[in-house]
Amino acid sequence: MDPVTFVDAVTLQNLISKIDLLSRQVNQIAEELKAAKKPYLTSAELMELTGFKRDWINDNKHDIGYSMLGGCLRFKREDVEEYMQRNYFKVKRRS
């Protein structure tokens, strides 16, 4: 027979709280991964992803590429990533 271990109520409650926190963190990470794989983005999601304002998005939507579905703009995540990469410049500094 296995020995029985007694745990006081405070320790047990702390353990339950830590498990609950870990569960919430895992769920949040799962939601973030799900969102990161989402192939199409709304203007609001694009603003959150890039940090650009709605006016900038509207001014540059033709360069990025977009669809108009149900009166709403939709952007392909891969087109946005390509646009950002294409417009990324890095200057090497001389030593």
PDB file of N, CA and C in Angstrom:
ATOM      1  N   MET A   1       0.835  -1.172   0.000  1.00  0.00           N
ATOM      2  CA  MET A   1       0.000   0.000   0.000  1.00  0.00           C
ATOM      3  C   MET A   1       0.888   1.247   0.000  1.00  0.00           C
ATOM      4  N   ASP A   2       0.515   2.234  -0.839  1.00  0.00           N
ATOM      5  CA  ASP A   2       1.275   3.482  -0.905  1.00  0.00           C
ATOM      6  C   ASP A   2       0.999   4.330   0.324  1.00  0.00           C
ATOM      7  N   PRO A   3       2.039   5.036   0.788  1.00  0.00           N
ATOM      8  CA  PRO A   3       1.830   5.914   1.942  1.00  0.00           C
ATOM      9  C   PRO A   3       0.932   7.095   1.568  1.00  0.00           C
ATOM     10  N   VAL A   4       0.234   7.622   2.522  1.00  0.00           N
ATOM     11  CA  VAL A   4      -0.665   8.753   2.325  1.00  0.00           C
ATOM     12  C   VAL A   4       0.045  10.009   2.818  1.00  0.00           C
ATOM     13  N   THR A   5      -0.005  11.077   2.003  1.00  0.00           N
ATOM     14  CA  THR A   5       0.599  12.346   2.393  1.00  0.00           C
ATOM     15  C   THR A   5      -0.506  13.350   2.629  1.00  0.00           C
ATOM     16  N   PHE A   6      -0.422  14.020   3.732  1.00  0.00           N
ATOM     17  CA  PHE A   6      -1.405  15.046   4.055  1.00  0.00           C
ATOM     18  C   PHE A   6      -0.827  16.403   3.692  1.00  0.00           C
ATOM     19  N   VAL A   7      -1.656  17.243   3.082  1.00  0.00           N
ATOM     20  CA  VAL A   7      -1.244  18.588   2.693  1.00  0.00           C
ATOM     21  C   VAL A   7      -2.205  19.561   3.351  1.00  0.00           C
ATOM     22  N   ASP A   8      -1.620  20.617   3.934  1.00  0.00           N
ATOM     23  CA  ASP A   8      -2.504  21.579   4.601  1.00  0.00           C
ATOM     24  C   ASP A   8      -3.305  22.360   3.557  1.00  0.00           C
ATOM     25  N   ALA A   9      -4.399  22.947   3.986  1.00  0.00           N
ATOM     26  CA  ALA A   9      -5.345  23.625   3.086  1.00  0.00           C
ATOM     27  C   ALA A   9      -4.711  24.789   2.347  1.00  0.00           C
ATOM     28  N   VAL A  10      -3.824  25.533   2.993  1.00  0.00           N
ATOM     29  CA  VAL A  10      -3.178  26.697   2.348  1.00  0.00           C
ATOM     30  C   VAL A  10      -2.288  26.230   1.197  1.00  0.00           C
ATOM     31  N   THR A  11      -1.493  25.211   1.448  1.00  0.00           N
ATOM     32  CA  THR A  11      -0.617  24.677   0.394  1.00  0.00           C
ATOM     33  C   THR A  11      -1.440  24.131  -0.764  1.00  0.00           C
ATOM     34  N   LEU A  12      -2.507  23.430  -0.448  1.00  0.00           N
ATOM     35  CA  LEU A  12      -3.377  22.894  -1.485  1.00  0.00           C
ATOM     36  C   LEU A  12      -4.014  24.021  -2.302  1.00  0.00           C
ATOM     37  N   GLN A  13      -4.483  25.060  -1.652  1.00  0.00           N
ATOM     38  CA  GLN A  13      -5.092  26.196  -2.352  1.00  0.00           C
ATOM     39  C   GLN A  13      -4.074  26.900  -3.235  1.00  0.00           C
ATOM     40  N   ASN A  14      -2.838  27.058  -2.754  1.00  0.00           N
ATOM     41  CA  ASN A  14      -1.773  27.663  -3.571  1.00  0.00           C
ATOM     42  C   ASN A  14      -1.493  26.820  -4.807  1.00  0.00           C
ATOM     43  N   LEU A  15      -1.457  25.519  -4.636  1.00  0.00           N
ATOM     44  CA  LEU A  15      -1.234  24.612  -5.766  1.00  0.00           C
ATOM     45  C   LEU A  15      -2.371  24.715  -6.781  1.00  0.00           C
ATOM     46  N   ILE A  16      -3.602  24.751  -6.303  1.00  0.00           N
ATOM     47  CA  ILE A  16      -4.761  24.882  -7.197  1.00  0.00           C
ATOM     48  C   ILE A  16      -4.703  26.210  -7.945  1.00  0.00           C
ATOM     49  N   SER A  17      -4.315  27.286  -7.261  1.00  0.00           N
ATOM     50  CA  SER A  17      -4.207  28.606  -7.903  1.00  0.00           C
ATOM     51  C   SER A  17      -3.150  28.608  -8.993  1.00  0.00           C
ATOM     52  N   LYS A  18      -2.019  27.963  -8.714  1.00  0.00           N
ATOM     53  CA  LYS A  18      -0.942  27.895  -9.718  1.00  0.00           C
ATOM     54  C   LYS A  18      -1.372  27.067 -10.933  1.00  0.00           C
ATOM     55  N   ILE A  19      -2.077  25.997 -10.708  1.00  0.00           N
ATOM     56  CA  ILE A  19      -2.580  25.179 -11.814  1.00  0.00           C
ATOM     57  C   ILE A  19      -3.587  25.976 -12.641  1.00  0.00           C
ATOM     58  N   ASP A  20      -4.443  26.727 -11.980  1.00  0.00           N
ATOM     59  CA  ASP A  20      -5.428  27.562 -12.678  1.00  0.00           C
ATOM     60  C   ASP A  20      -4.733  28.617 -13.529  1.00  0.00           C
ATOM     61  N   LEU A  21      -3.719  29.282 -12.967  1.00  0.00           N
ATOM     62  CA  LEU A  21      -2.959  30.292 -13.712  1.00  0.00           C
ATOM     63  C   LEU A  21      -2.274  29.664 -14.920  1.00  0.00           C
ATOM     64  N   LEU A  22      -1.661  28.517 -14.725  1.00  0.00           N
ATOM     65  CA  LEU A  22      -0.997  27.814 -15.824  1.00  0.00           C
ATOM     66  C   LEU A  22      -1.991  27.445 -16.920  1.00  0.00           C
ATOM     67  N   SER A  23      -3.172  26.999 -16.530  1.00  0.00           N
ATOM     68  CA  SER A  23      -4.218  26.652 -17.494  1.00  0.00           C
ATOM     69  C   SER A  23      -4.628  27.864 -18.318  1.00  0.00           C
ATOM     70  N   ARG A  24      -4.801  29.011 -17.650  1.00  0.00           N
ATOM     71  CA  ARG A  24      -5.172  30.231 -18.375  1.00  0.00           C
ATOM     72  C   ARG A  24      -4.064  30.665 -19.329  1.00  0.00           C
ATOM     73  N   GLN A  25      -2.803  30.530 -18.904  1.00  0.00           N
ATOM     74  CA  GLN A  25      -1.683  30.899 -19.769  1.00  0.00           C
ATOM     75  C   GLN A  25      -1.607  29.991 -20.997  1.00  0.00           C
ATOM     76  N   VAL A  26      -1.820  28.720 -20.816  1.00  0.00           N
ATOM     77  CA  VAL A  26      -1.813  27.766 -21.939  1.00  0.00           C
ATOM     78  C   VAL A  26      -2.934  28.112 -22.918  1.00  0.00           C
ATOM     79  N   ASN A  27      -4.127  28.407 -22.390  1.00  0.00           N
ATOM     80  CA  ASN A  27      -5.243  28.785 -23.263  1.00  0.00           C
ATOM     81  C   ASN A  27      -4.952  30.067 -24.025  1.00  0.00           C
ATOM     82  N   GLN A  28      -4.336  31.042 -23.374  1.00  0.00           N
ATOM     83  CA  GLN A  28      -3.991  32.304 -24.043  1.00  0.00           C
ATOM     84  C   GLN A  28      -2.981  32.065 -25.155  1.00  0.00           C
ATOM     85  N   ILE A  29      -1.973  31.263 -24.888  1.00  0.00           N
ATOM     86  CA  ILE A  29      -0.967  30.955 -25.904  1.00  0.00           C
ATOM     87  C   ILE A  29      -1.609  30.211 -27.074  1.00  0.00           C
ATOM     88  N   ALA A  30      -2.511  29.300 -26.788  1.00  0.00           N
ATOM     89  CA  ALA A  30      -3.209  28.566 -27.852  1.00  0.00           C
ATOM     90  C   ALA A  30      -4.015  29.523 -28.718  1.00  0.00           C
ATOM     91  N   GLU A  31      -4.701  30.493 -28.103  1.00  0.00           N
ATOM     92  CA  GLU A  31      -5.472  31.482 -28.858  1.00  0.00           C
ATOM     93  C   GLU A  31      -4.548  32.351 -29.713  1.00  0.00           C
ATOM     94  N   GLU A  32      -3.403  32.736 -29.174  1.00  0.00           N
ATOM     95  CA  GLU A  32      -2.444  33.550 -29.927  1.00  0.00           C
ATOM     96  C   GLU A  32      -1.897  32.777 -31.116  1.00  0.00           C
ATOM     97  N   LEU A  33      -1.604  31.504 -30.923  1.00  0.00           N
ATOM     98  CA  LEU A  33      -1.122  30.678 -32.038  1.00  0.00           C
ATOM     99  C   LEU A  33      -2.200  30.512 -33.100  1.00  0.00           C
ATOM    100  N   LYS A  34      -3.421  30.332 -32.665  1.00  0.00           N
ATOM    101  CA  LYS A  34      -4.535  30.211 -33.605  1.00  0.00           C
ATOM    102  C   LYS A  34      -4.675  31.496 -34.417  1.00  0.00           C
ATOM    103  N   ALA A  35      -4.589  32.637 -33.756  1.00  0.00           N
ATOM    104  CA  ALA A  35      -4.692  33.934 -34.434  1.00  0.00           C
ATOM    105  C   ALA A  35      -3.509  34.150 -35.369  1.00  0.00           C
ATOM    106  N   ALA A  36      -2.332  33.675 -34.980  1.00  0.00           N
ATOM    107  CA  ALA A  36      -1.139  33.861 -35.805  1.00  0.00           C
ATOM    108  C   ALA A  36      -1.203  33.051 -37.098  1.00  0.00           C
ATOM    109  N   LYS A  37      -1.998  31.990 -37.094  1.00  0.00           N
ATOM    110  CA  LYS A  37      -2.130  31.160 -38.290  1.00  0.00           C
ATOM    111  C   LYS A  37      -3.306  31.585 -39.158  1.00  0.00           C
ATOM    112  N   LYS A  38      -4.087  32.548 -38.681  1.00  0.00           N
ATOM    113  CA  LYS A  38      -5.261  33.002 -39.415  1.00  0.00           C
ATOM    114  C   LYS A  38      -4.808  33.603 -40.757  1.00  0.00           C
ATOM    115  N   PRO A  39      -5.282  33.059 -41.887  1.00  0.00           N
ATOM    116  CA  PRO A  39      -4.758  33.502 -43.188  1.00  0.00           C
ATOM    117  C   PRO A  39      -5.230  34.889 -43.628  1.00  0.00           C
ATOM    118  N   TYR A  40      -6.392  35.335 -43.172  1.00  0.00           N
ATOM    119  CA  TYR A  40      -6.916  36.643 -43.586  1.00  0.00           C
ATOM    120  C   TYR A  40      -7.100  37.533 -42.365  1.00  0.00           C
ATOM    121  N   LEU A  41      -6.775  38.800 -42.534  1.00  0.00           N
ATOM    122  CA  LEU A  41      -6.834  39.764 -41.447  1.00  0.00           C
ATOM    123  C   LEU A  41      -7.819  40.874 -41.762  1.00  0.00           C
ATOM    124  N   THR A  42      -8.531  41.338 -40.761  1.00  0.00           N
ATOM    125  CA  THR A  42      -9.370  42.527 -40.904  1.00  0.00           C
ATOM    126  C   THR A  42      -8.475  43.750 -40.772  1.00  0.00           C
ATOM    127  N   SER A  43      -9.024  44.918 -41.063  1.00  0.00           N
ATOM    128  CA  SER A  43      -8.255  46.157 -40.892  1.00  0.00           C
ATOM    129  C   SER A  43      -7.823  46.317 -39.437  1.00  0.00           C
ATOM    130  N   ALA A  44      -8.717  46.000 -38.507  1.00  0.00           N
ATOM    131  CA  ALA A  44      -8.382  46.120 -37.081  1.00  0.00           C
ATOM    132  C   ALA A  44      -7.234  45.180 -36.702  1.00  0.00           C
ATOM    133  N   GLU A  45      -7.259  43.962 -37.223  1.00  0.00           N
ATOM    134  CA  GLU A  45      -6.187  43.007 -36.938  1.00  0.00           C
ATOM    135  C   GLU A  45      -4.877  43.461 -37.575  1.00  0.00           C
ATOM    136  N   LEU A  46      -4.980  44.054 -38.768  1.00  0.00           N
ATOM    137  CA  LEU A  46      -3.787  44.565 -39.434  1.00  0.00           C
ATOM    138  C   LEU A  46      -3.205  45.747 -38.661  1.00  0.00           C
ATOM    139  N   MET A  47      -4.073  46.605 -38.128  1.00  0.00           N
ATOM    140  CA  MET A  47      -3.608  47.726 -37.315  1.00  0.00           C
ATOM    141  C   MET A  47      -2.886  47.210 -36.074  1.00  0.00           C
ATOM    142  N   GLU A  48      -3.439  46.181 -35.449  1.00  0.00           N
ATOM    143  CA  GLU A  48      -2.818  45.609 -34.250  1.00  0.00           C
ATOM    144  C   GLU A  48      -1.484  44.953 -34.588  1.00  0.00           C
ATOM    145  N   LEU A  49      -1.435  44.243 -35.707  1.00  0.00           N
ATOM    146  CA  LEU A  49      -0.222  43.539 -36.111  1.00  0.00           C
ATOM    147  C   LEU A  49       0.905  44.497 -36.459  1.00  0.00           C
ATOM    148  N   THR A  50       0.596  45.555 -37.207  1.00  0.00           N
ATOM    149  CA  THR A  50       1.635  46.456 -37.712  1.00  0.00           C
ATOM    150  C   THR A  50       1.839  47.706 -36.870  1.00  0.00           C
ATOM    151  N   GLY A  51       0.813  48.094 -36.132  1.00  0.00           N
ATOM    152  CA  GLY A  51       0.903  49.343 -35.384  1.00  0.00           C
ATOM    153  C   GLY A  51       0.537  50.561 -36.218  1.00  0.00           C
ATOM    154  N   PHE A  52       0.127  50.349 -37.461  1.00  0.00           N
ATOM    155  CA  PHE A  52      -0.261  51.453 -38.337  1.00  0.00           C
ATOM    156  C   PHE A  52      -1.714  51.829 -38.105  1.00  0.00           C
ATOM    157  N   LYS A  53      -2.018  53.077 -38.385  1.00  0.00           N
ATOM    158  CA  LYS A  53      -3.385  53.584 -38.227  1.00  0.00           C
ATOM    159  C   LYS A  53      -4.227  53.205 -39.452  1.00  0.00           C
ATOM    160  N   ARG A  54      -5.535  53.316 -39.307  1.00  0.00           N
ATOM    161  CA  ARG A  54      -6.474  52.956 -40.374  1.00  0.00           C
ATOM    162  C   ARG A  54      -6.219  53.773 -41.654  1.00  0.00           C
ATOM    163  N   ASP A  55      -5.887  55.061 -41.513  1.00  0.00           N
ATOM    164  CA  ASP A  55      -5.621  55.887 -42.701  1.00  0.00           C
ATOM    165  C   ASP A  55      -4.446  55.341 -43.502  1.00  0.00           C
ATOM    166  N   TRP A  56      -3.386  54.918 -42.802  1.00  0.00           N
ATOM    167  CA  TRP A  56      -2.221  54.367 -43.503  1.00  0.00           C
ATOM    168  C   TRP A  56      -2.624  53.089 -44.235  1.00  0.00           C
ATOM    169  N   ILE A  57      -3.400  52.253 -43.578  1.00  0.00           N
ATOM    170  CA  ILE A  57      -3.835  50.999 -44.197  1.00  0.00           C
ATOM    171  C   ILE A  57      -4.666  51.280 -45.441  1.00  0.00           C
ATOM    172  N   ASN A  58      -5.592  52.204 -45.353  1.00  0.00           N
ATOM    173  CA  ASN A  58      -6.411  52.551 -46.517  1.00  0.00           C
ATOM    174  C   ASN A  58      -5.568  53.143 -47.641  1.00  0.00           C
ATOM    175  N   ASP A  59      -4.567  53.959 -47.297  1.00  0.00           N
ATOM    176  CA  ASP A  59      -3.700  54.570 -48.312  1.00  0.00           C
ATOM    177  C   ASP A  59      -2.798  53.546 -48.997  1.00  0.00           C
ATOM    178  N   ASN A  60      -2.463  52.451 -48.307  1.00  0.00           N
ATOM    179  CA  ASN A  60      -1.512  51.473 -48.840  1.00  0.00           C
ATOM    180  C   ASN A  60      -2.123  50.130 -49.202  1.00  0.00           C
ATOM    181  N   LYS A  61      -3.437  50.021 -49.131  1.00  0.00           N
ATOM    182  CA  LYS A  61      -4.090  48.729 -49.371  1.00  0.00           C
ATOM    183  C   LYS A  61      -3.834  48.197 -50.777  1.00  0.00           C
ATOM    184  N   HIS A  62      -3.688  49.088 -51.762  1.00  0.00           N
ATOM    185  CA  HIS A  62      -3.443  48.619 -53.136  1.00  0.00           C
ATOM    186  C   HIS A  62      -2.048  48.023 -53.269  1.00  0.00           C
ATOM    187  N   ASP A  63      -1.083  48.562 -52.527  1.00  0.00           N
ATOM    188  CA  ASP A  63       0.280  48.025 -52.568  1.00  0.00           C
ATOM    189  C   ASP A  63       0.389  46.709 -51.812  1.00  0.00           C
ATOM    190  N   ILE A  64      -0.377  46.573 -50.734  1.00  0.00           N
ATOM    191  CA  ILE A  64      -0.353  45.348 -49.931  1.00  0.00           C
ATOM    192  C   ILE A  64      -1.126  44.241 -50.636  1.00  0.00           C
ATOM    193  N   GLY A  65      -2.300  44.591 -51.150  1.00  0.00           N
ATOM    194  CA  GLY A  65      -3.228  43.619 -51.728  1.00  0.00           C
ATOM    195  C   GLY A  65      -4.355  43.395 -50.733  1.00  0.00           C
ATOM    196  N   TYR A  66      -5.571  43.330 -51.238  1.00  0.00           N
ATOM    197  CA  TYR A  66      -6.723  43.179 -50.343  1.00  0.00           C
ATOM    198  C   TYR A  66      -7.920  42.636 -51.097  1.00  0.00           C
ATOM    199  N   SER A  67      -8.904  42.216 -50.330  1.00  0.00           N
ATOM    200  CA  SER A  67     -10.210  41.824 -50.857  1.00  0.00           C
ATOM    201  C   SER A  67     -11.250  42.660 -50.123  1.00  0.00           C
ATOM    202  N   MET A  68     -12.352  42.905 -50.794  1.00  0.00           N
ATOM    203  CA  MET A  68     -13.474  43.598 -50.159  1.00  0.00           C
ATOM    204  C   MET A  68     -14.604  42.586 -50.086  1.00  0.00           C
ATOM    205  N   LEU A  69     -14.882  42.116 -48.870  1.00  0.00           N
ATOM    206  CA  LEU A  69     -15.923  41.116 -48.676  1.00  0.00           C
ATOM    207  C   LEU A  69     -16.959  41.662 -47.706  1.00  0.00           C
ATOM    208  N   GLY A  70     -18.191  41.719 -48.150  1.00  0.00           N
ATOM    209  CA  GLY A  70     -19.260  42.218 -47.289  1.00  0.00           C
ATOM    210  C   GLY A  70     -19.028  43.645 -46.832  1.00  0.00           C
ATOM    211  N   GLY A  71     -18.377  44.426 -47.669  1.00  0.00           N
ATOM    212  CA  GLY A  71     -18.098  45.810 -47.318  1.00  0.00           C
ATOM    213  C   GLY A  71     -16.917  45.979 -46.375  1.00  0.00           C
ATOM    214  N   CYS A  72     -16.191  44.902 -46.101  1.00  0.00           N
ATOM    215  CA  CYS A  72     -15.047  44.964 -45.182  1.00  0.00           C
ATOM    216  C   CYS A  72     -13.766  44.561 -45.913  1.00  0.00           C
ATOM    217  N   LEU A  73     -12.690  45.258 -45.587  1.00  0.00           N
ATOM    218  CA  LEU A  73     -11.393  44.916 -46.153  1.00  0.00           C
ATOM    219  C   LEU A  73     -10.857  43.652 -45.491  1.00  0.00           C
ATOM    220  N   ARG A  74     -10.235  42.807 -46.293  1.00  0.00           N
ATOM    221  CA  ARG A  74      -9.547  41.622 -45.788  1.00  0.00           C
ATOM    222  C   ARG A  74      -8.185  41.583 -46.456  1.00  0.00           C
ATOM    223  N   PHE A  75      -7.164  41.285 -45.650  1.00  0.00           N
ATOM    224  CA  PHE A  75      -5.790  41.237 -46.137  1.00  0.00           C
ATOM    225  C   PHE A  75      -5.227  39.848 -45.903  1.00  0.00           C
ATOM    226  N   LYS A  76      -4.541  39.302 -46.903  1.00  0.00           N
ATOM    227  CA  LYS A  76      -3.866  38.019 -46.730  1.00  0.00           C
ATOM    228  C   LYS A  76      -2.647  38.252 -45.854  1.00  0.00           C
ATOM    229  N   ARG A  77      -2.528  37.445 -44.813  1.00  0.00           N
ATOM    230  CA  ARG A  77      -1.376  37.573 -43.914  1.00  0.00           C
ATOM    231  C   ARG A  77      -0.068  37.483 -44.698  1.00  0.00           C
ATOM    232  N   GLU A  78       0.016  36.558 -45.643  1.00  0.00           N
ATOM    233  CA  GLU A  78       1.255  36.388 -46.403  1.00  0.00           C
ATOM    234  C   GLU A  78       1.555  37.616 -47.262  1.00  0.00           C
ATOM    235  N   ASP A  79       0.516  38.307 -47.773  1.00  0.00           N
ATOM    236  CA  ASP A  79       0.739  39.537 -48.539  1.00  0.00           C
ATOM    237  C   ASP A  79       1.271  40.648 -47.647  1.00  0.00           C
ATOM    238  N   VAL A  80       0.742  40.730 -46.431  1.00  0.00           N
ATOM    239  CA  VAL A  80       1.212  41.742 -45.479  1.00  0.00           C
ATOM    240  C   VAL A  80       2.666  41.484 -45.120  1.00  0.00           C
ATOM    241  N   GLU A  81       2.990  40.224 -44.823  1.00  0.00           N
ATOM    242  CA  GLU A  81       4.370  39.882 -44.473  1.00  0.00           C
ATOM    243  C   GLU A  81       5.313  40.167 -45.640  1.00  0.00           C
ATOM    244  N   GLU A  82       4.876  39.854 -46.856  1.00  0.00           N
ATOM    245  CA  GLU A  82       5.691  40.124 -48.044  1.00  0.00           C
ATOM    246  C   GLU A  82       5.892  41.626 -48.229  1.00  0.00           C
ATOM    247  N   TYR A  83       4.827  42.400 -48.050  1.00  0.00           N
ATOM    248  CA  TYR A  83       4.910  43.854 -48.185  1.00  0.00           C
ATOM    249  C   TYR A  83       5.896  44.429 -47.160  1.00  0.00           C
ATOM    250  N   MET A  84       5.791  43.978 -45.925  1.00  0.00           N
ATOM    251  CA  MET A  84       6.687  44.475 -44.876  1.00  0.00           C
ATOM    252  C   MET A  84       8.133  44.090 -45.174  1.00  0.00           C
ATOM    253  N   GLN A  85       8.357  42.876 -45.635  1.00  0.00           N
ATOM    254  CA  GLN A  85       9.712  42.428 -45.953  1.00  0.00           C
ATOM    255  C   GLN A  85      10.274  43.208 -47.136  1.00  0.00           C
ATOM    256  N   ARG A  86       9.453  43.441 -48.137  1.00  0.00           N
ATOM    257  CA  ARG A  86       9.872  44.164 -49.337  1.00  0.00           C
ATOM    258  C   ARG A  86      10.260  45.592 -49.001  1.00  0.00           C
ATOM    259  N   ASN A  87       9.646  46.168 -48.003  1.00  0.00           N
ATOM    260  CA  ASN A  87       9.902  47.553 -47.632  1.00  0.00           C
ATOM    261  C   ASN A  87      10.800  47.687 -46.407  1.00  0.00           C
ATOM    262  N   TYR A  88      11.517  46.627 -46.101  1.00  0.00           N
ATOM    263  CA  TYR A  88      12.435  46.646 -44.974  1.00  0.00           C
ATOM    264  C   TYR A  88      13.831  46.966 -45.484  1.00  0.00           C
ATOM    265  N   PHE A  89      14.462  47.925 -44.882  1.00  0.00           N
ATOM    266  CA  PHE A  89      15.817  48.306 -45.289  1.00  0.00           C
ATOM    267  C   PHE A  89      16.728  48.245 -44.082  1.00  0.00           C
ATOM    268  N   LYS A  90      17.896  47.716 -44.326  1.00  0.00           N
ATOM    269  CA  LYS A  90      18.872  47.596 -43.259  1.00  0.00           C
ATOM    270  C   LYS A  90      20.205  48.117 -43.777  1.00  0.00           C
ATOM    271  N   VAL A  91      20.763  49.053 -43.055  1.00  0.00           N
ATOM    272  CA  VAL A  91      22.041  49.641 -43.445  1.00  0.00           C
ATOM    273  C   VAL A  91      23.121  49.032 -42.558  1.00  0.00           C
ATOM    274  N   LYS A  92      24.144  48.507 -43.201  1.00  0.00           N
ATOM    275  CA  LYS A  92      25.259  47.952 -42.446  1.00  0.00           C
ATOM    276  C   LYS A  92      26.189  49.099 -42.068  1.00  0.00           C
ATOM    277  N   ARG A  93      26.530  49.143 -40.829  1.00  0.00           N
ATOM    278  CA  ARG A  93      27.457  50.178 -40.348  1.00  0.00           C
ATOM    279  C   ARG A  93      28.883  49.693 -40.509  1.00  0.00           C
ATOM    280  N   ARG A  94      29.718  50.608 -40.857  1.00  0.00           N
ATOM    281  CA  ARG A  94      31.133  50.268 -40.997  1.00  0.00           C
ATOM    282  C   ARG A  94      31.768  50.247 -39.624  1.00  0.00           C
ATOM    283  N   SER A  95      32.672  49.291 -39.451  1.00  0.00           N
ATOM    284  CA  SER A  95      33.348  49.159 -38.148  1.00  0.00           C
ATOM    285  C   SER A  95      34.476  50.142 -37.994  1.00  0.00           C
TER     286      SER A  95
END
